[in-house]
Protein backbone atom coordinates (compact mmCIF):
# COMPACT_ATOMS: atom_id res chain seq x y z
CA MET A 1 0.11 -0.09 0.09
CA ASN A 2 1.36 3.35 -0.82
CA LEU A 3 0.83 6.45 1.49
CA VAL A 4 0.30 9.65 -0.60
CA TYR A 5 0.12 13.37 0.65
CA ILE A 6 -1.44 15.76 -1.84
CA GLY A 7 -1.74 19.39 -1.90
CA LEU A 8 -4.98 20.75 -3.12
CA GLY A 9 -5.86 24.20 -3.91
CA SER A 10 -8.67 26.48 -5.73
CA ASN A 11 -9.38 30.33 -6.08
CA LEU A 12 -12.08 30.17 -9.07
CA ASP A 13 -15.55 29.24 -9.04
CA THR A 14 -16.41 28.64 -5.39
CA PRO A 15 -13.08 27.47 -4.15
CA VAL A 16 -14.28 25.77 -0.75
CA GLN A 17 -16.78 23.76 -2.93
CA GLN A 18 -14.28 22.66 -5.37
CA LEU A 19 -11.87 21.28 -2.72
CA GLN A 20 -14.92 19.55 -1.15
CA THR A 21 -16.24 18.20 -4.36
CA ALA A 22 -12.64 16.64 -5.18
CA LEU A 23 -12.25 15.36 -1.42
CA THR A 24 -15.65 13.70 -1.95
CA PHE A 25 -14.72 11.99 -5.34
CA LEU A 26 -11.26 10.90 -3.58
CA ALA A 27 -13.15 9.50 -0.53
CA GLN A 28 -15.68 7.42 -2.70
CA HIS A 29 -12.93 6.18 -5.15
CA PRO A 30 -12.63 2.48 -5.07
CA GLU A 31 -8.54 2.83 -5.12
CA ILE A 32 -8.45 5.57 -2.24
CA GLN A 33 -8.50 4.32 1.47
CA GLN A 34 -8.05 5.96 4.70
CA LEU A 35 -8.41 9.79 3.44
CA GLU A 36 -7.47 12.31 5.93
CA VAL A 37 -7.85 15.85 5.30
CA SER A 38 -6.49 19.02 7.00
CA ALA A 39 -8.40 22.12 7.76
CA LEU A 40 -9.16 24.55 4.93
CA TYR A 41 -6.86 27.78 4.85
CA ARG A 42 -7.30 30.84 2.79
CA SER A 43 -3.84 32.38 1.38
CA LYS A 44 -2.51 35.11 -1.13
CA PRO A 45 -1.48 33.51 -4.50
CA VAL A 46 2.00 32.71 -5.28
CA GLY A 47 3.08 34.62 -8.20
CA PRO A 48 0.78 37.06 -10.02
CA GLN A 49 -1.26 38.74 -7.37
CA ASP A 50 -4.06 39.95 -9.89
CA GLN A 51 -6.27 37.04 -8.90
CA PRO A 52 -8.26 36.09 -5.93
CA ASP A 53 -6.76 34.33 -2.83
CA PHE A 54 -6.66 30.84 -2.70
CA VAL A 55 -8.05 27.86 -0.29
CA ASN A 56 -5.95 25.31 0.32
CA ALA A 57 -5.42 21.97 2.06
CA VAL A 58 -3.66 18.84 2.47
CA ALA A 59 -4.94 15.14 2.22
CA ARG A 60 -3.18 11.89 2.90
CA PHE A 61 -4.42 8.77 1.74
CA ALA A 62 -3.41 4.97 0.94
CA THR A 63 -3.70 3.40 -2.60
CA MET A 64 -2.33 0.54 -4.50
CA LEU A 65 -2.17 2.87 -7.34
CA SER A 66 1.34 3.87 -8.54
CA ALA A 67 2.66 7.42 -8.66
CA GLU A 68 1.97 7.86 -12.33
CA GLU A 69 -1.63 6.39 -12.05
CA THR A 70 -2.23 8.60 -8.93
CA LEU A 71 -1.03 11.56 -10.76
CA ASP A 72 -3.44 10.42 -13.82
CA LEU A 73 -6.29 10.24 -11.48
CA LEU A 74 -5.46 13.79 -9.75
CA GLN A 75 -5.54 15.30 -13.33
CA ALA A 76 -8.84 13.85 -14.47
CA ILE A 77 -10.29 15.37 -11.09
CA GLU A 78 -8.78 18.54 -12.23
CA GLN A 79 -10.32 18.23 -15.66
CA ASP A 80 -13.77 17.31 -14.28
CA HIS A 81 -13.47 20.73 -12.47
CA ARG A 82 -12.76 22.43 -15.55
CA ARG A 83 -9.02 23.30 -14.85
CA VAL A 84 -7.42 25.50 -17.50
CA ARG A 85 -3.70 26.13 -17.35
CA GLU A 86 -3.39 29.66 -19.01
CA ARG A 87 -0.32 30.79 -17.14
CA HIS A 88 2.10 29.82 -14.67
CA TRP A 89 1.03 30.22 -11.02
CA GLY A 90 -2.17 31.61 -12.13
CA PRO A 91 -5.95 31.18 -11.19
CA ARG A 92 -7.29 27.75 -11.29
CA THR A 93 -10.42 25.93 -10.41
CA LEU A 94 -8.55 23.06 -8.72
CA ASP A 95 -5.05 22.29 -8.18
CA LEU A 96 -4.01 18.92 -6.89
CA ASP A 97 -0.36 18.17 -6.38
CA ILE A 98 1.42 14.99 -5.30
CA LEU A 99 3.48 16.31 -2.24
CA LEU A 100 4.91 13.08 -1.21
CA PHE A 101 4.62 9.61 -2.38
CA ASN A 102 5.82 6.74 0.36
CA ASP A 103 9.21 7.99 0.97
CA ASP A 104 10.14 7.87 -2.81
CA ILE A 105 12.21 10.33 -4.69
CA ILE A 106 10.69 10.54 -8.12
CA ALA A 107 12.14 12.73 -11.05
CA SER A 108 10.33 12.13 -14.20
CA GLU A 109 9.19 14.36 -16.96
CA ARG A 110 5.51 14.29 -15.53
CA LEU A 111 6.14 14.17 -11.57
CA THR A 112 8.81 15.28 -9.27
CA VAL A 113 8.50 13.99 -5.69
CA PRO A 114 9.00 15.33 -2.89
CA HIS A 115 7.02 18.25 -4.61
CA ALA A 116 9.69 20.70 -5.69
CA PHE A 117 8.50 24.03 -3.58
CA MET A 118 6.50 22.48 -0.75
CA LEU A 119 9.07 23.03 1.87
CA GLU A 120 8.75 27.11 0.65
CA ARG A 121 4.98 27.14 0.97
CA GLY A 122 3.64 28.14 4.41
CA PHE A 123 0.03 26.95 2.46
CA VAL A 124 1.35 23.28 2.31
CA ILE A 125 2.98 23.04 5.62
CA ARG A 126 0.66 24.45 7.78
CA PRO A 127 -2.11 22.06 6.47
CA LEU A 128 0.04 19.30 6.40
CA LEU A 129 0.75 20.16 10.28
CA ASP A 130 -2.95 19.04 10.97
CA ILE A 131 -2.59 15.45 9.71
CA ALA A 132 1.47 14.87 10.23
CA PRO A 133 2.93 17.05 12.58
CA GLU A 134 5.74 14.68 13.23
CA LEU A 135 6.28 13.55 9.54
CA LEU A 136 9.73 13.58 8.67
CA LEU A 137 10.53 16.20 5.82
CA SER A 138 13.39 15.88 3.23
CA ASN A 139 15.31 18.41 5.17
CA GLY A 140 15.40 16.27 8.14
CA LYS A 141 13.09 18.22 10.38
CA THR A 142 9.43 17.21 11.24
CA VAL A 143 6.36 19.18 9.99
CA ALA A 144 6.17 20.88 13.10
CA GLU A 145 9.76 22.11 13.26
CA HIS A 146 9.98 23.10 9.75
CA LEU A 147 6.87 25.37 10.06
CA GLN A 148 8.79 27.61 12.58
CA GLN A 149 11.01 28.57 9.64
CA LEU A 150 7.91 29.70 7.57
CA ASP A 151 5.79 33.16 7.31
CA THR A 152 2.31 31.88 7.66
CA SER A 153 0.96 35.20 8.69
CA ASP A 154 -1.14 35.52 5.43
CA LEU A 155 -2.99 32.02 6.45
CA VAL A 156 -6.39 31.99 7.72
CA SER A 157 -8.20 28.90 8.73
CA ILE A 158 -11.68 28.89 7.22
CA ALA A 159 -14.75 27.06 8.76
CA THR A 160 -16.94 25.03 6.55
CA GLU A 161 -20.20 24.09 7.03
């Protein structure tokens, strides 16, 4: 069984609903087990600031799918949510990124694991703290230890119904 951590983000077309719909699909998927999800957080966009704030979360699940099959599944969910890739770090209805896949290091044309920028992003590390505070990161620190190095002042936990 593979243990997978993913980052979720949205800043278009009711972002909270976009994340909830994607999470519901994952929870009901026959190849996904033991889904756990962080709280949702609002954050400023990375890159161009002429776009709405993002809603972000992190999820963990177990699956027998390979890393490439998991990526295919996540990209299919993005497409179901009308994901359009118009510009780098631009607005999107749904963004699903594999952050970690077991302890694997993957560097392929389609996939880089651990995610190349996850250690720099408070909107990834803060939600990760909710579900895996003692997880050891690639820098040798736990999530809780690493979070102390990041500025998360723009992150706001948001309540959902």
